[in-house]
C-alpha atoms as a PDB file:
ATOM      1  CA  ALA A   1     -14.034   6.497  -0.902  1.00  0.00           C
ATOM      2  CA  LYS A   2     -17.084   6.829  -3.133  1.00  0.00           C
ATOM      3  CA  ARG A   3     -16.499  10.555  -3.555  1.00  0.00           C
ATOM      4  CA  ILE A   4     -12.816  10.459  -4.470  1.00  0.00           C
ATOM      5  CA  GLU A   5     -12.590  11.452  -8.115  1.00  0.00           C
ATOM      6  CA  LYS A   6      -8.831  11.361  -8.632  1.00  0.00           C
ATOM      7  CA  PRO A   7      -7.066   8.044  -9.236  1.00  0.00           C
ATOM      8  CA  TRP A   8      -5.626   6.731  -5.996  1.00  0.00           C
ATOM      9  CA  LEU A   9      -3.419   3.902  -4.894  1.00  0.00           C
ATOM     10  CA  ILE A  10      -4.172   1.474  -2.081  1.00  0.00           C
ATOM     11  CA  VAL A  11      -1.260  -0.722  -0.973  1.00  0.00           C
ATOM     12  CA  HIS A  12      -1.768  -3.294   1.758  1.00  0.00           C
ATOM     13  CA  GLY A  13       0.188  -6.212   3.142  1.00  0.00           C
ATOM     14  CA  ASP A  14      -1.634  -9.516   3.370  1.00  0.00           C
ATOM     15  CA  GLN A  15      -0.009 -10.144   6.770  1.00  0.00           C
ATOM     16  CA  ASP A  16      -0.968  -6.769   8.287  1.00  0.00           C
ATOM     17  CA  GLU A  17      -1.539  -7.390  11.982  1.00  0.00           C
ATOM     18  CA  ALA A  18      -3.092  -3.961  12.673  1.00  0.00           C
ATOM     19  CA  VAL A  19      -5.533  -3.401   9.788  1.00  0.00           C
ATOM     20  CA  PRO A  20      -7.258  -6.373   8.170  1.00  0.00           C
ATOM     21  CA  LEU A  21      -6.817  -6.794   4.418  1.00  0.00           C
ATOM     22  CA  LYS A  22     -10.598  -6.701   4.164  1.00  0.00           C
ATOM     23  CA  GLU A  23     -10.502  -2.966   4.931  1.00  0.00           C
ATOM     24  CA  ALA A  24      -8.345  -2.219   1.873  1.00  0.00           C
ATOM     25  CA  GLN A  25     -10.593  -4.413  -0.256  1.00  0.00           C
ATOM     26  CA  VAL A  26     -13.689  -2.536   0.935  1.00  0.00           C
ATOM     27  CA  LEU A  27     -12.098   0.827   0.113  1.00  0.00           C
ATOM     28  CA  HIS A  28     -11.178  -0.456  -3.328  1.00  0.00           C
ATOM     29  CA  ARG A  29     -14.641  -1.847  -3.966  1.00  0.00           C
ATOM     30  CA  PHE A  30     -16.282   1.482  -3.073  1.00  0.00           C
ATOM     31  CA  SER A  31     -13.988   3.575  -5.261  1.00  0.00           C
ATOM     32  CA  ARG A  32     -14.167   3.474  -9.027  1.00  0.00           C
ATOM     33  CA  ASN A  33     -10.803   5.241  -9.324  1.00  0.00           C
ATOM     34  CA  SER A  34      -8.624   3.139  -7.045  1.00  0.00           C
ATOM     35  CA  THR A  35      -5.903   0.625  -7.721  1.00  0.00           C
ATOM     36  CA  LEU A  36      -5.359  -2.045  -5.074  1.00  0.00           C
ATOM     37  CA  ASN A  37      -1.964  -3.695  -4.712  1.00  0.00           C
ATOM     38  CA  ILE A  38      -1.593  -6.439  -2.134  1.00  0.00           C
ATOM     39  CA  ILE A  39       1.950  -7.264  -1.093  1.00  0.00           C
ATOM     40  CA  LYS A  40       2.229 -10.915  -0.130  1.00  0.00           C
ATOM     41  CA  GLY A  41       3.930 -11.524   3.174  1.00  0.00           C
ATOM     42  CA  ALA A  42       3.999  -7.838   4.116  1.00  0.00           C
ATOM     43  CA  ALA A  43       3.017  -6.668   7.586  1.00  0.00           C
ATOM     44  CA  HIS A  44       1.630  -3.289   8.676  1.00  0.00           C
ATOM     45  CA  THR A  45       4.906  -1.353   8.413  1.00  0.00           C
ATOM     46  CA  PHE A  46       6.181  -3.177   5.305  1.00  0.00           C
ATOM     47  CA  GLY A  47       9.307  -4.210   7.214  1.00  0.00           C
ATOM     48  CA  ALA A  48      10.249  -0.744   8.490  1.00  0.00           C
ATOM     49  CA  SER A  49      10.688   0.303  12.116  1.00  0.00           C
ATOM     50  CA  GLN A  50      11.417   3.463  14.077  1.00  0.00           C
ATOM     51  CA  PRO A  51      14.179   4.442  14.394  1.00  0.00           C
ATOM     52  CA  TRP A  52      15.516   3.087  11.098  1.00  0.00           C
ATOM     53  CA  MET A  53      19.159   2.157  11.637  1.00  0.00           C
ATOM     54  CA  HIS A  54      19.897   0.439   8.313  1.00  0.00           C
ATOM     55  CA  THR A  55      21.204   1.763   5.002  1.00  0.00           C
ATOM     56  CA  GLU A  56      18.676  -0.001   2.755  1.00  0.00           C
ATOM     57  CA  PHE A  57      14.888  -0.110   2.634  1.00  0.00           C
ATOM     58  CA  PRO A  58      13.176  -3.344   3.593  1.00  0.00           C
ATOM     59  CA  ARG A  59      12.135  -5.388   0.548  1.00  0.00           C
ATOM     60  CA  ASP A  60       8.391  -4.830   1.132  1.00  0.00           C
ATOM     61  CA  LEU A  61       8.780  -1.088   1.670  1.00  0.00           C
ATOM     62  CA  GLU A  62      10.811  -0.879  -1.542  1.00  0.00           C
ATOM     63  CA  LYS A  63       7.835  -2.453  -3.342  1.00  0.00           C
ATOM     64  CA  VAL A  64       5.558   0.224  -1.883  1.00  0.00           C
ATOM     65  CA  VAL A  65       7.920   2.969  -3.064  1.00  0.00           C
ATOM     66  CA  GLN A  66       8.090   1.502  -6.588  1.00  0.00           C
ATOM     67  CA  LEU A  67       4.307   1.102  -6.805  1.00  0.00           C
ATOM     68  CA  THR A  68       3.896   4.716  -5.648  1.00  0.00           C
ATOM     69  CA  ILE A  69       6.370   6.012  -8.229  1.00  0.00           C
ATOM     70  CA  GLU A  70       4.597   4.082 -10.988  1.00  0.00           C
ATOM     71  CA  HIS A  71       1.226   5.377  -9.825  1.00  0.00           C
ATOM     72  CA  PHE A  72       2.344   9.008 -10.101  1.00  0.00           C
ATOM     73  CA  LYS A  73       3.996   8.423 -13.472  1.00  0.00           C
ATOM     74  CA  GLN A  74       0.598   7.439 -14.823  1.00  0.00           C
ATOM     75  CA  GLU A  75      -0.897  10.792 -13.879  1.00  0.00           C
END
């Protein structure tokens, strides 16, 4: 993380059961070019599952998509 020179986006759910939020915070702290977005109530998959049998994205995954789009627009 310390060597990444390009701006990068870290998105993490505060209810992630697989990777503790602390891990995202550590990555962010070590990188001067990162943006950390914490999605309240979001779990590890942001509400998605495999196979996806629905016609709409889960609310939390939609937030991730929007944050990602905004991140790349800034470049």
